[in-house]
C-alpha cells in the first residue's frame, strides 16, 4: 500500500512540475517575441513594394540623399558634409568600378535606387558595424511613405530583383528576411533573375 501511495504521489508531483514548467515557458515565450517590422500590403500589384511599420526607425533622424552612386551605395547630407552609405545585406550589379565592366542589370538597379530615394529624406539604421573597409557607413535604409510607414529599401531591391543578398557578419539582422526576398525574386524571375545569365 505504501508503494502505491508513493507511486501516485510521484506521478502527481511530476505532472505538477511539468504543467508548471509549461505555463512558465509559455509566459516567457510571450514576453520574448523577436521584434520584426510588420509587413503590410503592396502599394500596387506590379511592384509589390514592402511597407514597414518600424517604430525604432521612426524615432531616428532623417537624412537627405544627395546622390545615388550605384544601386547599393548612396551619399547623404550630414551637416556640414556629405557621407557615403553602403546598404547592408545587398549587392547590385556593378556600374562604377573602373576595374570591372558594367554588370548585367546594373544600370537598371542604379536607376531604381535613384528613382526611389535620390533627393528624398531617408531614415538610416545600423546593425553592428559602423563602417566598411572603404569607410562608408553601413546602414539599412527606410523611405518614409506616410502614416508612420516606411519602405525598406534594402529589402525592396532584393525582392524586386535589382539586387542579390550579400552577407558580411556580424551585420546579419535581416538575413533570413533577405533570403526569403531573394527566393521570391528568383522564383518569379524578377529583374536580374529573369534577364541575366
N, C-alpha and C. Protein backbone atom coordinates (compact mmCIF):
# COMPACT_ATOMS: atom_id res chain seq x y z
N UNK A 1 0.82 -1.19 0.00
CA UNK A 1 0.00 0.00 0.00
C UNK A 1 0.87 1.26 0.00
N UNK A 2 1.94 1.25 0.76
CA UNK A 2 2.85 2.37 0.81
C UNK A 2 3.48 2.63 -0.55
N UNK A 3 3.81 1.56 -1.25
CA UNK A 3 4.42 1.68 -2.58
C UNK A 3 3.47 2.36 -3.56
N UNK A 4 2.16 1.97 -3.51
CA UNK A 4 1.17 2.56 -4.41
C UNK A 4 0.99 4.05 -4.13
N UNK A 5 0.93 4.43 -2.84
CA UNK A 5 0.79 5.84 -2.48
C UNK A 5 2.00 6.65 -2.98
N UNK A 6 3.18 6.08 -2.79
CA UNK A 6 4.40 6.76 -3.23
C UNK A 6 4.40 6.93 -4.75
N UNK A 7 3.97 5.90 -5.44
CA UNK A 7 3.91 5.95 -6.90
C UNK A 7 2.91 7.01 -7.37
N UNK A 8 1.74 7.05 -6.75
CA UNK A 8 0.71 8.04 -7.10
C UNK A 8 1.21 9.45 -6.79
N UNK A 9 1.79 9.66 -5.63
CA UNK A 9 2.31 10.98 -5.26
C UNK A 9 3.43 11.43 -6.20
N UNK A 10 4.28 10.49 -6.59
CA UNK A 10 5.37 10.81 -7.53
C UNK A 10 4.79 11.22 -8.87
N UNK A 11 3.77 10.49 -9.35
CA UNK A 11 3.14 10.82 -10.63
C UNK A 11 2.48 12.20 -10.58
N UNK A 12 1.80 12.51 -9.47
CA UNK A 12 1.15 13.81 -9.30
C UNK A 12 2.20 14.92 -9.27
N UNK A 13 3.29 14.67 -8.54
CA UNK A 13 4.35 15.67 -8.44
C UNK A 13 5.00 15.93 -9.80
N UNK A 14 5.29 14.88 -10.56
CA UNK A 14 5.88 15.03 -11.89
C UNK A 14 4.93 15.78 -12.81
N UNK A 15 3.65 15.46 -12.77
CA UNK A 15 2.65 16.15 -13.59
C UNK A 15 2.58 17.63 -13.24
N UNK A 16 2.60 17.91 -11.94
CA UNK A 16 2.53 19.31 -11.49
C UNK A 16 3.74 20.11 -11.97
N UNK A 17 4.92 19.49 -11.83
CA UNK A 17 6.14 20.16 -12.27
C UNK A 17 6.09 20.40 -13.78
N UNK A 18 5.65 19.41 -14.54
CA UNK A 18 5.57 19.53 -15.99
C UNK A 18 4.60 20.66 -16.39
N UNK A 19 3.42 20.67 -15.80
CA UNK A 19 2.42 21.68 -16.13
C UNK A 19 2.91 23.07 -15.74
N UNK A 20 3.52 23.18 -14.57
CA UNK A 20 4.05 24.48 -14.12
C UNK A 20 5.14 24.97 -15.07
N UNK A 21 6.03 24.06 -15.46
CA UNK A 21 7.12 24.42 -16.38
C UNK A 21 6.55 24.89 -17.72
N UNK A 22 5.53 24.17 -18.20
CA UNK A 22 4.91 24.53 -19.46
C UNK A 22 4.28 25.92 -19.40
N UNK A 23 3.58 26.20 -18.31
CA UNK A 23 2.94 27.51 -18.15
C UNK A 23 3.97 28.62 -18.05
N UNK A 24 5.05 28.37 -17.30
CA UNK A 24 6.10 29.38 -17.18
C UNK A 24 6.75 29.61 -18.53
N UNK A 25 7.04 28.53 -19.27
CA UNK A 25 7.68 28.65 -20.58
C UNK A 25 6.80 29.44 -21.54
N UNK A 26 5.48 29.16 -21.55
CA UNK A 26 4.58 29.88 -22.44
C UNK A 26 4.51 31.36 -22.07
N UNK A 27 4.52 31.64 -20.77
CA UNK A 27 4.51 33.03 -20.32
C UNK A 27 5.75 33.77 -20.76
N UNK A 28 6.91 33.11 -20.60
CA UNK A 28 8.17 33.73 -21.04
C UNK A 28 8.21 33.88 -22.54
N UNK A 29 7.69 32.88 -23.24
CA UNK A 29 7.70 32.92 -24.70
C UNK A 29 6.92 34.12 -25.23
N UNK A 30 5.85 34.49 -24.54
CA UNK A 30 5.07 35.65 -24.96
C UNK A 30 5.85 36.94 -24.78
N UNK A 31 6.73 36.96 -23.75
CA UNK A 31 7.47 38.17 -23.44
C UNK A 31 8.69 38.38 -24.33
N UNK A 32 9.20 37.31 -24.95
CA UNK A 32 10.47 37.44 -25.67
C UNK A 32 10.32 37.29 -27.18
N UNK A 33 9.16 37.60 -27.70
CA UNK A 33 8.99 37.54 -29.16
C UNK A 33 9.97 38.49 -29.82
N UNK A 34 10.60 38.02 -30.88
CA UNK A 34 11.56 38.85 -31.61
C UNK A 34 10.80 39.97 -32.30
N UNK A 35 11.35 41.18 -32.18
CA UNK A 35 10.71 42.33 -32.81
C UNK A 35 10.97 42.31 -34.29
N UNK A 36 9.94 42.17 -35.09
CA UNK A 36 10.07 42.21 -36.54
C UNK A 36 9.14 43.29 -37.07
N UNK A 37 9.60 44.04 -38.05
CA UNK A 37 8.69 45.02 -38.65
C UNK A 37 7.48 44.31 -39.25
N UNK A 38 6.35 44.95 -39.17
CA UNK A 38 5.12 44.38 -39.70
C UNK A 38 5.09 44.55 -41.21
N UNK A 39 4.89 43.44 -41.92
CA UNK A 39 4.81 43.52 -43.37
C UNK A 39 3.37 43.80 -43.75
N UNK A 40 3.17 44.85 -44.50
CA UNK A 40 1.83 45.23 -44.90
C UNK A 40 1.62 44.96 -46.37
N UNK A 41 0.49 45.33 -46.88
CA UNK A 41 0.16 45.07 -48.28
C UNK A 41 0.99 45.86 -49.26
N UNK A 42 0.78 45.59 -50.51
CA UNK A 42 1.54 46.22 -51.57
C UNK A 42 0.97 47.58 -51.93
N UNK A 43 1.86 48.44 -52.43
CA UNK A 43 1.40 49.72 -52.94
C UNK A 43 0.68 49.52 -54.27
N UNK A 44 1.18 48.58 -55.07
CA UNK A 44 0.47 48.19 -56.28
C UNK A 44 0.90 46.77 -56.62
N UNK A 45 0.07 46.04 -57.34
CA UNK A 45 0.36 44.63 -57.59
C UNK A 45 1.57 44.39 -58.47
N UNK A 46 2.00 45.38 -59.24
CA UNK A 46 3.15 45.17 -60.12
C UNK A 46 4.45 45.23 -59.34
N UNK A 47 4.64 46.29 -58.56
CA UNK A 47 5.89 46.46 -57.84
C UNK A 47 5.94 45.72 -56.52
N UNK A 48 4.80 45.49 -55.90
CA UNK A 48 4.73 44.83 -54.60
C UNK A 48 5.72 45.42 -53.61
N UNK A 49 5.73 46.74 -53.49
CA UNK A 49 6.65 47.39 -52.57
C UNK A 49 6.28 47.03 -51.14
N UNK A 50 7.29 46.77 -50.35
CA UNK A 50 7.08 46.35 -48.97
C UNK A 50 7.03 47.58 -48.06
N UNK A 51 5.89 47.75 -47.39
CA UNK A 51 5.74 48.84 -46.44
C UNK A 51 6.02 48.28 -45.05
N UNK A 52 6.76 49.03 -44.26
CA UNK A 52 7.11 48.57 -42.93
C UNK A 52 6.73 49.60 -41.88
N UNK A 53 6.22 49.13 -40.79
CA UNK A 53 5.98 49.98 -39.64
C UNK A 53 7.14 49.71 -38.69
N UNK A 54 8.04 50.66 -38.57
CA UNK A 54 9.25 50.45 -37.77
C UNK A 54 9.39 51.55 -36.74
N UNK A 55 8.87 51.32 -35.54
CA UNK A 55 8.93 52.36 -34.51
C UNK A 55 10.35 52.83 -34.23
N UNK A 56 11.33 51.91 -34.24
CA UNK A 56 12.70 52.32 -33.96
C UNK A 56 13.21 53.24 -35.05
N UNK A 57 12.82 52.97 -36.29
CA UNK A 57 13.26 53.81 -37.40
C UNK A 57 12.57 55.18 -37.34
N UNK A 58 11.31 55.20 -36.90
CA UNK A 58 10.56 56.45 -36.87
C UNK A 58 11.21 57.45 -35.92
N UNK A 59 11.87 56.95 -34.88
CA UNK A 59 12.47 57.83 -33.89
C UNK A 59 13.82 58.37 -34.37
N UNK A 60 14.35 57.84 -35.45
CA UNK A 60 15.66 58.23 -35.94
C UNK A 60 15.58 59.53 -36.73
N UNK A 61 16.72 60.20 -36.79
CA UNK A 61 16.85 61.41 -37.60
C UNK A 61 16.83 61.01 -39.07
N UNK A 62 16.27 61.86 -39.92
CA UNK A 62 16.28 61.57 -41.35
C UNK A 62 17.40 62.37 -42.03
N UNK A 63 17.86 61.83 -43.18
CA UNK A 63 18.96 62.43 -43.93
C UNK A 63 18.55 62.57 -45.39
N UNK A 64 19.02 63.64 -46.02
CA UNK A 64 18.75 63.87 -47.43
C UNK A 64 19.72 63.05 -48.27
N UNK A 65 19.18 62.27 -49.21
CA UNK A 65 20.03 61.54 -50.16
C UNK A 65 20.40 62.53 -51.26
N UNK A 66 21.68 62.90 -51.30
CA UNK A 66 22.13 63.90 -52.27
C UNK A 66 22.54 63.26 -53.60
N UNK A 67 22.91 61.97 -53.55
CA UNK A 67 23.37 61.32 -54.78
C UNK A 67 23.27 59.80 -54.63
N UNK A 68 22.86 59.15 -55.71
CA UNK A 68 22.92 57.69 -55.78
C UNK A 68 24.15 57.36 -56.62
N UNK A 69 25.13 56.72 -56.00
CA UNK A 69 26.38 56.38 -56.69
C UNK A 69 26.17 55.15 -57.58
N UNK A 70 25.56 54.13 -57.00
CA UNK A 70 25.08 52.98 -57.77
C UNK A 70 23.95 52.35 -56.97
N UNK A 71 23.51 51.17 -57.39
CA UNK A 71 22.33 50.59 -56.78
C UNK A 71 22.40 50.34 -55.29
N UNK A 72 23.62 50.12 -54.76
CA UNK A 72 23.74 49.81 -53.34
C UNK A 72 24.58 50.81 -52.55
N UNK A 73 24.93 51.94 -53.17
CA UNK A 73 25.74 52.96 -52.49
C UNK A 73 25.17 54.34 -52.78
N UNK A 74 25.02 55.13 -51.71
CA UNK A 74 24.43 56.46 -51.85
C UNK A 74 25.27 57.47 -51.07
N UNK A 75 24.99 58.75 -51.30
CA UNK A 75 25.57 59.83 -50.50
C UNK A 75 24.43 60.54 -49.78
N UNK A 76 24.71 60.88 -48.52
CA UNK A 76 23.72 61.63 -47.74
C UNK A 76 24.34 62.91 -47.23
N UNK A 77 23.48 63.88 -46.94
CA UNK A 77 23.95 65.13 -46.35
C UNK A 77 23.86 64.99 -44.84
N UNK A 78 24.99 65.16 -44.19
CA UNK A 78 25.06 65.16 -42.73
C UNK A 78 25.85 66.39 -42.36
N UNK A 79 25.13 67.49 -42.06
CA UNK A 79 25.76 68.80 -41.88
C UNK A 79 27.04 68.71 -41.07
N UNK A 80 28.10 69.31 -41.54
CA UNK A 80 28.19 70.15 -42.75
C UNK A 80 28.73 69.40 -43.96
N UNK A 81 28.81 68.06 -43.91
CA UNK A 81 29.45 67.32 -45.01
C UNK A 81 28.51 66.28 -45.60
N UNK A 82 29.00 65.64 -46.66
CA UNK A 82 28.26 64.51 -47.23
C UNK A 82 29.02 63.23 -46.88
N UNK A 83 28.28 62.16 -46.68
CA UNK A 83 28.86 60.87 -46.32
C UNK A 83 28.37 59.79 -47.27
N UNK A 84 29.24 58.83 -47.56
CA UNK A 84 28.83 57.69 -48.38
C UNK A 84 28.23 56.62 -47.47
N UNK A 85 27.16 55.99 -47.99
CA UNK A 85 26.46 54.94 -47.25
C UNK A 85 26.36 53.71 -48.13
N UNK A 86 26.76 52.57 -47.61
CA UNK A 86 26.63 51.28 -48.31
C UNK A 86 25.44 50.56 -47.69
N UNK A 87 24.46 50.17 -48.50
CA UNK A 87 23.28 49.46 -47.99
C UNK A 87 23.68 48.06 -47.54
N UNK A 88 23.34 47.72 -46.32
CA UNK A 88 23.72 46.44 -45.72
C UNK A 88 22.94 45.30 -46.35
N UNK A 89 23.65 44.19 -46.56
CA UNK A 89 22.99 42.93 -46.93
C UNK A 89 22.66 42.75 -48.39
N UNK A 90 23.00 43.73 -49.22
CA UNK A 90 22.64 43.62 -50.64
C UNK A 90 23.84 43.89 -51.53
N UNK A 91 23.75 43.43 -52.76
CA UNK A 91 24.76 43.71 -53.77
C UNK A 91 24.06 43.86 -55.11
N UNK A 92 24.19 45.04 -55.70
CA UNK A 92 23.63 45.26 -57.02
C UNK A 92 24.74 45.10 -58.05
N UNK A 93 24.40 44.78 -59.30
CA UNK A 93 25.43 44.64 -60.33
C UNK A 93 26.25 45.93 -60.47
N UNK A 94 27.51 45.77 -60.76
CA UNK A 94 28.47 46.89 -60.79
C UNK A 94 28.17 47.88 -61.91
N UNK A 95 28.37 49.18 -61.59
CA UNK A 95 28.24 50.22 -62.62
C UNK A 95 29.38 51.23 -62.58
N UNK A 96 30.10 51.35 -61.47
CA UNK A 96 31.09 52.43 -61.35
C UNK A 96 32.52 51.96 -61.09
N UNK A 97 32.76 50.69 -60.87
CA UNK A 97 34.12 50.21 -60.61
C UNK A 97 34.91 50.18 -61.92
N UNK A 98 35.98 51.00 -62.02
CA UNK A 98 36.74 51.06 -63.28
C UNK A 98 37.47 49.75 -63.61
N UNK A 99 37.61 48.88 -62.62
CA UNK A 99 38.31 47.61 -62.84
C UNK A 99 37.39 46.53 -63.40
N UNK A 100 36.09 46.79 -63.40
CA UNK A 100 35.13 45.78 -63.86
C UNK A 100 34.14 46.38 -64.85
N UNK A 101 33.65 45.55 -65.77
CA UNK A 101 32.64 46.07 -66.72
C UNK A 101 31.30 46.30 -66.01
N UNK A 102 30.47 47.10 -66.62
CA UNK A 102 29.12 47.32 -66.08
C UNK A 102 28.39 45.98 -66.09
N UNK A 103 27.84 45.61 -64.93
CA UNK A 103 27.17 44.33 -64.80
C UNK A 103 25.79 44.32 -65.42
N UNK A 104 25.36 43.12 -65.82
CA UNK A 104 24.01 42.94 -66.34
C UNK A 104 23.00 43.44 -65.31
N UNK A 105 22.13 44.30 -65.70
CA UNK A 105 21.07 44.89 -64.89
C UNK A 105 21.58 45.97 -63.93
N UNK A 106 22.89 46.28 -64.01
CA UNK A 106 23.48 47.28 -63.11
C UNK A 106 22.88 48.67 -63.29
N UNK A 107 22.73 49.10 -64.54
CA UNK A 107 22.18 50.44 -64.78
C UNK A 107 20.73 50.54 -64.33
N UNK A 108 19.99 49.46 -64.52
CA UNK A 108 18.58 49.46 -64.08
C UNK A 108 18.49 49.50 -62.55
N UNK A 109 19.40 48.78 -61.88
CA UNK A 109 19.41 48.80 -60.41
C UNK A 109 19.74 50.19 -59.89
N UNK A 110 20.74 50.84 -60.50
CA UNK A 110 21.10 52.20 -60.10
C UNK A 110 19.94 53.16 -60.35
N UNK A 111 19.31 53.02 -61.50
CA UNK A 111 18.19 53.90 -61.84
C UNK A 111 17.03 53.72 -60.87
N UNK A 112 16.80 52.48 -60.43
CA UNK A 112 15.70 52.23 -59.49
C UNK A 112 16.00 52.84 -58.12
N UNK A 113 17.23 52.67 -57.64
CA UNK A 113 17.59 53.28 -56.36
C UNK A 113 17.47 54.79 -56.45
N UNK A 114 17.90 55.35 -57.57
CA UNK A 114 17.79 56.79 -57.79
C UNK A 114 16.33 57.23 -57.80
N UNK A 115 15.49 56.49 -58.51
CA UNK A 115 14.06 56.82 -58.57
C UNK A 115 13.42 56.82 -57.19
N UNK A 116 13.83 55.85 -56.38
CA UNK A 116 13.21 55.69 -55.07
C UNK A 116 13.64 56.76 -54.07
N UNK A 117 14.96 57.07 -54.02
CA UNK A 117 15.41 57.86 -52.87
C UNK A 117 16.26 59.09 -53.16
N UNK A 118 16.75 59.28 -54.38
CA UNK A 118 17.59 60.46 -54.60
C UNK A 118 16.77 61.74 -54.41
N UNK A 119 17.33 62.68 -53.65
CA UNK A 119 16.64 63.94 -53.37
C UNK A 119 15.58 63.82 -52.29
N UNK A 120 15.50 62.65 -51.63
CA UNK A 120 14.47 62.43 -50.60
C UNK A 120 15.11 62.22 -49.23
N UNK A 121 14.31 62.42 -48.20
CA UNK A 121 14.74 62.18 -46.83
C UNK A 121 14.56 60.70 -46.51
N UNK A 122 15.61 60.07 -45.97
CA UNK A 122 15.55 58.67 -45.58
C UNK A 122 15.98 58.51 -44.13
N UNK A 123 15.59 57.40 -43.55
CA UNK A 123 15.99 57.06 -42.19
C UNK A 123 17.01 55.93 -42.29
N UNK A 124 18.09 56.08 -41.58
CA UNK A 124 19.16 55.08 -41.60
C UNK A 124 19.25 54.39 -40.24
N UNK A 125 19.35 53.07 -40.26
CA UNK A 125 19.60 52.34 -39.02
C UNK A 125 20.79 51.42 -39.24
N UNK A 126 21.57 51.23 -38.18
CA UNK A 126 22.76 50.39 -38.30
C UNK A 126 22.48 49.02 -37.73
N UNK A 127 23.38 48.12 -38.01
CA UNK A 127 23.31 46.77 -37.43
C UNK A 127 24.38 46.73 -36.34
N UNK A 128 25.53 46.14 -36.62
CA UNK A 128 26.62 46.08 -35.64
C UNK A 128 27.76 47.00 -36.05
N UNK A 129 28.22 46.85 -37.30
CA UNK A 129 29.37 47.63 -37.77
C UNK A 129 28.98 49.06 -38.11
N UNK A 130 29.90 49.96 -37.87
CA UNK A 130 29.68 51.37 -38.21
C UNK A 130 30.02 51.63 -39.68
N UNK A 131 31.20 51.16 -40.13
CA UNK A 131 31.65 51.42 -41.49
C UNK A 131 32.27 50.15 -42.09
N UNK A 132 32.46 50.18 -43.43
CA UNK A 132 33.16 49.09 -44.10
C UNK A 132 34.62 49.47 -44.32
N UNK A 133 35.37 48.65 -45.03
CA UNK A 133 36.80 48.91 -45.22
C UNK A 133 37.07 50.13 -46.08
N UNK A 134 36.06 50.62 -46.79
CA UNK A 134 36.20 51.84 -47.60
C UNK A 134 35.71 53.08 -46.84
N UNK A 135 35.45 52.91 -45.56
CA UNK A 135 34.99 53.98 -44.68
C UNK A 135 33.59 54.51 -45.04
N UNK A 136 32.78 53.66 -45.70
CA UNK A 136 31.39 54.02 -45.96
C UNK A 136 30.55 53.58 -44.77
N UNK A 137 29.56 54.38 -44.40
CA UNK A 137 28.63 53.97 -43.36
C UNK A 137 27.88 52.73 -43.83
N UNK A 138 27.65 51.78 -42.95
CA UNK A 138 26.85 50.60 -43.26
C UNK A 138 25.48 50.78 -42.63
N UNK A 139 24.44 50.80 -43.47
CA UNK A 139 23.11 51.11 -42.93
C UNK A 139 22.00 50.38 -43.69
N UNK A 140 20.88 50.18 -42.95
CA UNK A 140 19.60 49.81 -43.57
C UNK A 140 18.92 51.13 -43.87
N UNK A 141 18.26 51.21 -45.01
CA UNK A 141 17.67 52.48 -45.45
C UNK A 141 16.15 52.33 -45.53
N UNK A 142 15.45 53.28 -44.91
CA UNK A 142 14.00 53.29 -44.89
C UNK A 142 13.50 54.62 -45.47
N UNK A 143 12.57 54.53 -46.40
CA UNK A 143 11.96 55.72 -47.00
C UNK A 143 10.57 55.93 -46.39
N UNK A 144 10.36 57.02 -45.64
CA UNK A 144 9.03 57.28 -45.10
C UNK A 144 8.01 57.47 -46.23
N UNK A 145 6.88 56.76 -46.12
CA UNK A 145 5.86 56.87 -47.17
C UNK A 145 4.50 57.29 -46.60
N UNK A 146 4.50 57.78 -45.36
CA UNK A 146 3.27 58.31 -44.77
C UNK A 146 2.64 57.37 -43.77
N UNK A 147 1.84 57.96 -42.88
CA UNK A 147 1.11 57.23 -41.84
C UNK A 147 2.02 56.34 -41.00
N UNK A 148 3.24 56.80 -40.74
CA UNK A 148 4.16 56.05 -39.89
C UNK A 148 4.75 54.82 -40.55
N UNK A 149 4.56 54.69 -41.86
CA UNK A 149 5.08 53.53 -42.58
C UNK A 149 6.29 53.92 -43.40
N UNK A 150 7.17 52.94 -43.60
CA UNK A 150 8.41 53.15 -44.34
C UNK A 150 8.59 52.05 -45.36
N UNK A 151 9.19 52.39 -46.48
CA UNK A 151 9.58 51.40 -47.46
C UNK A 151 11.00 50.98 -47.12
N UNK A 152 11.21 49.69 -46.87
CA UNK A 152 12.53 49.15 -46.51
C UNK A 152 13.29 48.95 -47.82
N UNK A 153 14.17 49.88 -48.15
CA UNK A 153 14.83 49.92 -49.45
C UNK A 153 15.70 48.68 -49.70
N UNK A 154 16.47 48.25 -48.70
CA UNK A 154 17.34 47.07 -48.88
C UNK A 154 16.50 45.86 -49.29
N UNK A 155 15.41 45.63 -48.57
CA UNK A 155 14.52 44.50 -48.84
C UNK A 155 13.87 44.65 -50.22
N UNK A 156 13.39 45.85 -50.52
CA UNK A 156 12.72 46.09 -51.79
C UNK A 156 13.63 45.76 -52.98
N UNK A 157 14.87 46.21 -52.93
CA UNK A 157 15.79 45.99 -54.05
C UNK A 157 16.06 44.50 -54.27
N UNK A 158 16.14 43.72 -53.20
CA UNK A 158 16.32 42.27 -53.35
C UNK A 158 15.03 41.64 -53.87
N UNK A 159 13.93 41.97 -53.25
CA UNK A 159 12.64 41.35 -53.57
C UNK A 159 12.20 41.61 -55.01
N UNK A 160 12.59 42.75 -55.55
CA UNK A 160 12.20 43.09 -56.92
C UNK A 160 13.24 42.69 -57.95
N UNK A 161 14.32 42.04 -57.51
CA UNK A 161 15.32 41.54 -58.45
C UNK A 161 16.33 42.56 -58.91
N UNK A 162 16.48 43.67 -58.18
CA UNK A 162 17.50 44.66 -58.51
C UNK A 162 18.82 44.35 -57.81
N UNK A 163 18.78 43.47 -56.80
CA UNK A 163 19.98 43.15 -56.01
C UNK A 163 19.93 41.69 -55.57
N UNK A 164 21.10 41.19 -55.23
CA UNK A 164 21.23 39.87 -54.61
C UNK A 164 21.60 40.09 -53.15
N UNK A 165 21.37 39.08 -52.34
CA UNK A 165 21.78 39.16 -50.94
C UNK A 165 23.30 39.01 -50.86
N UNK A 166 23.91 39.80 -50.00
CA UNK A 166 25.35 39.73 -49.75
C UNK A 166 25.57 39.94 -48.26
N UNK A 167 26.03 38.90 -47.60
CA UNK A 167 26.14 38.92 -46.14
C UNK A 167 27.58 39.04 -45.68
N UNK A 168 27.80 39.97 -44.77
CA UNK A 168 29.09 40.09 -44.08
C UNK A 168 28.82 40.14 -42.58
N UNK A 169 28.98 39.00 -41.88
CA UNK A 169 28.82 39.05 -40.42
C UNK A 169 29.77 40.09 -39.83
N UNK A 170 29.39 40.76 -38.77
CA UNK A 170 28.25 40.46 -37.89
C UNK A 170 26.94 41.16 -38.28
N UNK A 171 26.89 41.79 -39.44
CA UNK A 171 25.71 42.57 -39.82
C UNK A 171 24.68 41.68 -40.52
N UNK A 172 23.93 40.92 -39.72
CA UNK A 172 23.05 39.88 -40.26
C UNK A 172 21.62 39.96 -39.71
N UNK A 173 21.24 41.09 -39.19
CA UNK A 173 19.93 41.25 -38.55
C UNK A 173 18.77 40.79 -39.43
N UNK A 174 18.81 41.10 -40.72
CA UNK A 174 17.70 40.78 -41.62
C UNK A 174 18.04 39.68 -42.61
N UNK A 175 19.06 38.88 -42.33
CA UNK A 175 19.48 37.84 -43.27
C UNK A 175 18.36 36.89 -43.70
N UNK A 176 17.60 36.37 -42.74
CA UNK A 176 16.55 35.41 -43.10
C UNK A 176 15.48 36.10 -43.94
N UNK A 177 15.19 37.34 -43.64
CA UNK A 177 14.22 38.11 -44.42
C UNK A 177 14.73 38.32 -45.85
N UNK A 178 16.02 38.66 -45.98
CA UNK A 178 16.60 38.89 -47.29
C UNK A 178 16.68 37.60 -48.11
N UNK A 179 16.96 36.48 -47.45
CA UNK A 179 16.99 35.19 -48.16
C UNK A 179 15.61 34.87 -48.73
N UNK A 180 14.58 35.13 -47.95
CA UNK A 180 13.21 34.89 -48.41
C UNK A 180 12.87 35.83 -49.57
N UNK A 181 13.32 37.08 -49.48
CA UNK A 181 13.07 38.06 -50.55
C UNK A 181 13.76 37.62 -51.84
N UNK A 182 15.01 37.14 -51.72
CA UNK A 182 15.74 36.70 -52.90
C UNK A 182 15.09 35.47 -53.53
N UNK A 183 14.62 34.54 -52.70
CA UNK A 183 13.94 33.35 -53.22
C UNK A 183 12.69 33.75 -53.99
N UNK A 184 11.94 34.72 -53.44
CA UNK A 184 10.73 35.20 -54.10
C UNK A 184 11.07 35.83 -55.46
N UNK A 185 12.14 36.61 -55.51
CA UNK A 185 12.55 37.24 -56.77
C UNK A 185 12.99 36.19 -57.79
N UNK A 186 13.78 35.20 -57.34
CA UNK A 186 14.23 34.12 -58.25
C UNK A 186 13.06 33.32 -58.77
N UNK A 187 12.16 32.91 -57.86
CA UNK A 187 11.02 32.09 -58.26
C UNK A 187 10.14 32.78 -59.28
N UNK A 188 10.07 34.11 -59.19
CA UNK A 188 9.23 34.88 -60.11
C UNK A 188 10.01 35.52 -61.26
N UNK A 189 11.30 35.16 -61.36
CA UNK A 189 12.18 35.68 -62.42
C UNK A 189 12.12 37.20 -62.53
N UNK A 190 12.14 37.85 -61.38
CA UNK A 190 12.10 39.31 -61.36
C UNK A 190 13.48 39.90 -61.64
N UNK A 191 13.50 41.01 -62.35
CA UNK A 191 14.72 41.76 -62.55
C UNK A 191 15.85 40.96 -63.12
N UNK A 192 17.00 41.02 -62.44
CA UNK A 192 18.20 40.35 -62.95
C UNK A 192 18.03 38.84 -63.05
N UNK A 193 17.14 38.25 -62.26
CA UNK A 193 16.95 36.80 -62.29
C UNK A 193 16.29 36.36 -63.60
N UNK A 194 15.55 37.24 -64.23
CA UNK A 194 14.92 36.90 -65.49
C UNK A 194 15.70 37.37 -66.70
N UNK A 195 16.64 38.32 -66.49
CA UNK A 195 17.32 38.91 -67.63
C UNK A 195 18.82 38.62 -67.71
N UNK A 196 19.42 38.13 -66.64
CA UNK A 196 20.87 37.91 -66.65
C UNK A 196 21.18 36.43 -66.49
N UNK A 197 22.17 35.97 -67.19
CA UNK A 197 22.59 34.56 -67.10
C UNK A 197 23.82 34.44 -66.26
